[in-house]
């Protein structure tokens, strides 16, 4: 997916910086709960085991920082191996660097996101939904509580629906078809359903779908 989004008015997009920081804090806690024995376990992301999913999350946080500084997110390749040291603390450091880089940034300024040139506010929304969705992926894959705070999940769902239409999916748009949510689905479950995941297929999630 490589397109600009001219129909969206940048100054009408929400400032999601505080919510992204909270989502990254949640993800850091989940990373802290992973054991090395779980690195090879599958996740709802079919191409990513637990270790590769953590590396993907690290890459995302690093790309957020690069965009704030005027760089192209695609210049940061996905990590192939996790760095040495405490993974949760390392992720927190990367996330904090991205938070500081965006603290005084102009959210209406176009940035080079992986999916195209978009307003900074829209790019942060994309990374908010990615952090919450992949946080859920990591949680259910490793048997941890999988519900994000409701306001985070609602904001992430709104961001996903703003930037990721129900159609088309697949091909250059790396998301499966929308999964119909149960009437009593939580905001987190509705988010992962929107991104093509079936919350019912992962019984290790702390809250039943």
Protein backbone atom coordinates (compact mmCIF):
# COMPACT_ATOMS: atom_id res chain seq x y z
CA UNK A 1 0.00 0.00 0.00
CA UNK A 2 1.71 3.19 -1.17
CA UNK A 3 -0.63 6.13 -1.41
CA UNK A 4 -1.23 9.54 0.07
CA UNK A 5 -4.48 10.38 1.84
CA UNK A 6 -5.51 13.83 0.55
CA UNK A 7 -9.13 13.50 1.66
CA UNK A 8 -8.19 13.77 5.35
CA UNK A 9 -7.79 17.23 6.84
CA UNK A 10 -4.66 17.11 9.05
CA UNK A 11 -5.81 19.66 11.63
CA UNK A 12 -8.97 17.65 12.25
CA UNK A 13 -7.12 14.47 13.10
CA UNK A 14 -6.77 13.69 16.83
CA UNK A 15 -3.50 14.05 18.68
CA UNK A 16 -2.75 10.44 19.54
CA UNK A 17 0.72 10.96 21.00
CA UNK A 18 -0.33 10.32 24.62
CA UNK A 19 -2.27 7.21 23.66
CA UNK A 20 0.58 5.84 21.58
CA UNK A 21 2.92 6.31 24.54
CA UNK A 22 0.49 4.42 26.79
CA UNK A 23 0.09 1.64 24.23
CA UNK A 24 3.86 1.26 24.03
CA UNK A 25 4.05 1.07 27.82
CA UNK A 26 1.47 -1.74 27.70
CA UNK A 27 3.48 -3.54 25.02
CA UNK A 28 6.65 -3.20 27.11
CA UNK A 29 4.90 -4.92 30.00
CA UNK A 30 3.84 -7.76 27.71
CA UNK A 31 7.39 -8.15 26.39
CA UNK A 32 8.56 -8.40 30.00
CA UNK A 33 6.18 -11.33 30.48
CA UNK A 34 7.65 -13.40 27.63
CA UNK A 35 10.13 -16.18 28.36
CA UNK A 36 12.86 -17.28 25.92
CA UNK A 37 11.16 -20.67 25.74
CA UNK A 38 8.20 -18.96 24.05
CA UNK A 39 10.20 -17.29 21.28
CA UNK A 40 9.37 -19.98 18.74
CA UNK A 41 5.65 -20.11 19.54
CA UNK A 42 3.15 -19.09 16.83
CA UNK A 43 1.15 -15.88 16.98
CA UNK A 44 -1.99 -14.65 15.20
CA UNK A 45 0.41 -13.05 12.69
CA UNK A 46 0.98 -16.14 10.59
CA UNK A 47 4.42 -15.05 9.37
CA UNK A 48 5.71 -14.07 12.81
CA UNK A 49 6.55 -16.23 15.79
CA UNK A 50 6.86 -14.59 19.21
CA UNK A 51 10.49 -13.60 18.72
CA UNK A 52 9.87 -12.07 15.29
CA UNK A 53 6.77 -10.27 16.58
CA UNK A 54 8.80 -8.60 19.33
CA UNK A 55 11.39 -7.60 16.72
CA UNK A 56 8.56 -6.19 14.58
CA UNK A 57 7.34 -4.09 17.50
CA UNK A 58 10.86 -2.77 18.09
CA UNK A 59 11.12 -1.82 14.43
CA UNK A 60 7.79 -0.01 14.56
CA UNK A 61 8.85 2.12 17.52
CA UNK A 62 12.12 2.97 15.79
CA UNK A 63 10.27 3.97 12.62
CA UNK A 64 8.03 6.32 14.59
CA UNK A 65 11.13 8.18 15.77
CA UNK A 66 12.63 8.36 12.29
CA UNK A 67 9.46 9.87 10.82
CA UNK A 68 9.40 12.58 13.50
CA UNK A 69 12.92 13.58 12.48
CA UNK A 70 11.99 13.88 8.82
CA UNK A 71 13.26 10.50 7.70
CA UNK A 72 11.60 7.73 5.73
CA UNK A 73 10.22 4.94 7.92
CA UNK A 74 11.09 2.45 5.21
CA UNK A 75 14.79 3.24 5.70
CA UNK A 76 14.63 1.24 8.94
CA UNK A 77 14.67 -2.48 8.06
CA UNK A 78 12.89 -5.00 10.21
CA UNK A 79 15.12 -6.49 12.88
CA UNK A 80 16.20 -10.02 12.05
CA UNK A 81 17.49 -10.74 15.55
CA UNK A 82 16.58 -9.34 18.93
CA UNK A 83 19.28 -7.27 20.64
CA UNK A 84 21.03 -8.46 23.76
CA UNK A 85 19.95 -7.32 27.19
CA UNK A 86 16.57 -6.83 28.82
CA UNK A 87 14.08 -6.75 25.95
CA UNK A 88 11.37 -4.84 27.81
CA UNK A 89 13.76 -2.13 28.99
CA UNK A 90 15.25 -1.89 25.52
CA UNK A 91 11.83 -1.48 23.96
CA UNK A 92 10.93 1.17 26.55
CA UNK A 93 14.06 3.10 25.59
CA UNK A 94 13.21 2.98 21.89
CA UNK A 95 9.61 4.01 22.61
CA UNK A 96 10.76 6.88 24.82
CA UNK A 97 13.06 8.14 22.07
CA UNK A 98 10.12 8.13 19.66
CA UNK A 99 7.94 9.95 22.20
CA UNK A 100 10.53 12.67 22.69
CA UNK A 101 11.03 13.06 18.95
CA UNK A 102 7.31 13.72 18.47
CA UNK A 103 6.82 15.91 21.55
CA UNK A 104 7.11 19.22 19.70
CA UNK A 105 6.45 17.96 16.17
CA UNK A 106 3.85 19.45 13.84
CA UNK A 107 1.24 16.73 13.44
CA UNK A 108 -0.04 18.22 10.20
CA UNK A 109 3.37 17.91 8.52
CA UNK A 110 3.56 15.13 5.92
CA UNK A 111 5.78 12.21 6.88
CA UNK A 112 7.07 9.20 4.99
CA UNK A 113 5.24 6.24 6.50
CA UNK A 114 5.70 2.70 5.16
CA UNK A 115 2.35 2.93 3.37
CA UNK A 116 2.93 6.35 1.79
CA UNK A 117 3.18 10.06 2.53
CA UNK A 118 0.56 11.04 5.10
CA UNK A 119 0.03 13.68 7.81
CA UNK A 120 1.99 12.94 10.96
CA UNK A 121 -1.21 12.56 12.96
CA UNK A 122 -2.43 9.85 10.60
CA UNK A 123 0.89 8.02 10.75
CA UNK A 124 0.77 8.00 14.55
CA UNK A 125 -2.74 6.58 14.36
CA UNK A 126 -1.40 3.77 12.22
CA UNK A 127 1.26 2.96 14.76
CA UNK A 128 -1.24 3.18 17.61
CA UNK A 129 -3.43 0.53 16.01
CA UNK A 130 -0.31 -1.52 15.24
CA UNK A 131 0.90 -1.37 18.85
CA UNK A 132 -2.46 -2.36 20.31
CA UNK A 133 -3.14 -5.04 17.70
CA UNK A 134 0.31 -6.59 17.99
CA UNK A 135 0.11 -6.26 21.76
CA UNK A 136 -2.98 -8.46 21.59
CA UNK A 137 -1.12 -10.84 19.26
CA UNK A 138 1.74 -11.13 21.74
CA UNK A 139 -0.54 -11.50 24.74
CA UNK A 140 -2.67 -14.30 23.35
CA UNK A 141 0.38 -16.11 21.98
CA UNK A 142 2.08 -16.10 25.38
CA UNK A 143 -0.91 -16.57 27.69
CA UNK A 144 -1.01 -13.03 29.09
CA UNK A 145 -4.01 -10.72 29.70
CA UNK A 146 -4.94 -9.54 26.24
CA UNK A 147 -7.26 -6.59 26.81
CA UNK A 148 -5.85 -3.11 26.31
CA UNK A 149 -7.42 -0.24 28.22
CA UNK A 150 -10.79 0.44 26.62
CA UNK A 151 -10.00 4.02 25.64
CA UNK A 152 -6.78 2.90 23.95
CA UNK A 153 -8.56 0.16 22.04
CA UNK A 154 -11.35 2.51 20.96
CA UNK A 155 -8.85 5.09 19.75
CA UNK A 156 -6.87 2.41 17.93
CA UNK A 157 -10.03 1.07 16.29
CA UNK A 158 -11.03 4.55 15.15
CA UNK A 159 -7.53 5.06 13.73
CA UNK A 160 -7.66 1.72 11.94
CA UNK A 161 -11.06 2.43 10.44
CA UNK A 162 -9.90 5.89 9.36
CA UNK A 163 -6.86 4.60 7.49
CA UNK A 164 -7.73 0.98 6.65
CA UNK A 165 -10.99 0.51 4.75
CA UNK A 166 -12.87 -2.78 4.84
CA UNK A 167 -12.09 -3.24 1.15
CA UNK A 168 -9.82 -3.95 -0.57
CA UNK A 169 -7.70 -6.30 1.53
CA UNK A 170 -4.82 -8.56 0.59
CA UNK A 171 -2.08 -8.06 -1.99
CA UNK A 172 -0.29 -4.80 -1.25
CA UNK A 173 -2.61 -4.24 1.73
CA UNK A 174 -1.30 -6.78 4.28
CA UNK A 175 -4.54 -7.38 6.15
CA UNK A 176 -7.10 -10.15 5.88
CA UNK A 177 -10.84 -9.60 5.49
CA UNK A 178 -12.70 -8.01 8.37
CA UNK A 179 -13.97 -10.63 10.84
CA UNK A 180 -17.48 -10.05 12.14
CA UNK A 181 -17.36 -9.17 15.83
CA UNK A 182 -19.59 -10.81 18.41
CA UNK A 183 -22.34 -8.54 19.80
CA UNK A 184 -20.57 -8.44 23.17
CA UNK A 185 -17.05 -8.06 21.77
CA UNK A 186 -14.72 -5.76 23.66
CA UNK A 187 -13.06 -2.77 21.96
CA UNK A 188 -9.81 -4.73 21.74
CA UNK A 189 -11.56 -7.66 20.10
CA UNK A 190 -13.33 -5.33 17.66
CA UNK A 191 -9.97 -3.85 16.73
CA UNK A 192 -8.32 -7.18 16.03
CA UNK A 193 -11.41 -8.30 14.10
CA UNK A 194 -11.14 -5.18 11.94
CA UNK A 195 -7.53 -6.05 11.17
CA UNK A 196 -8.54 -9.51 9.99
CA UNK A 197 -7.95 -11.58 13.11
CA UNK A 198 -10.42 -13.98 14.68
CA UNK A 199 -10.41 -13.41 18.42
CA UNK A 200 -12.31 -16.69 18.88
CA UNK A 201 -9.42 -18.79 17.57
CA UNK A 202 -7.03 -17.93 20.38
CA UNK A 203 -8.41 -19.45 23.60
CA UNK A 204 -5.35 -18.40 25.58
CA UNK A 205 -6.61 -14.82 25.55
CA UNK A 206 -7.55 -13.72 29.06
CA UNK A 207 -11.00 -12.52 28.00
CA UNK A 208 -13.12 -14.91 25.96
CA UNK A 209 -14.19 -13.64 22.54
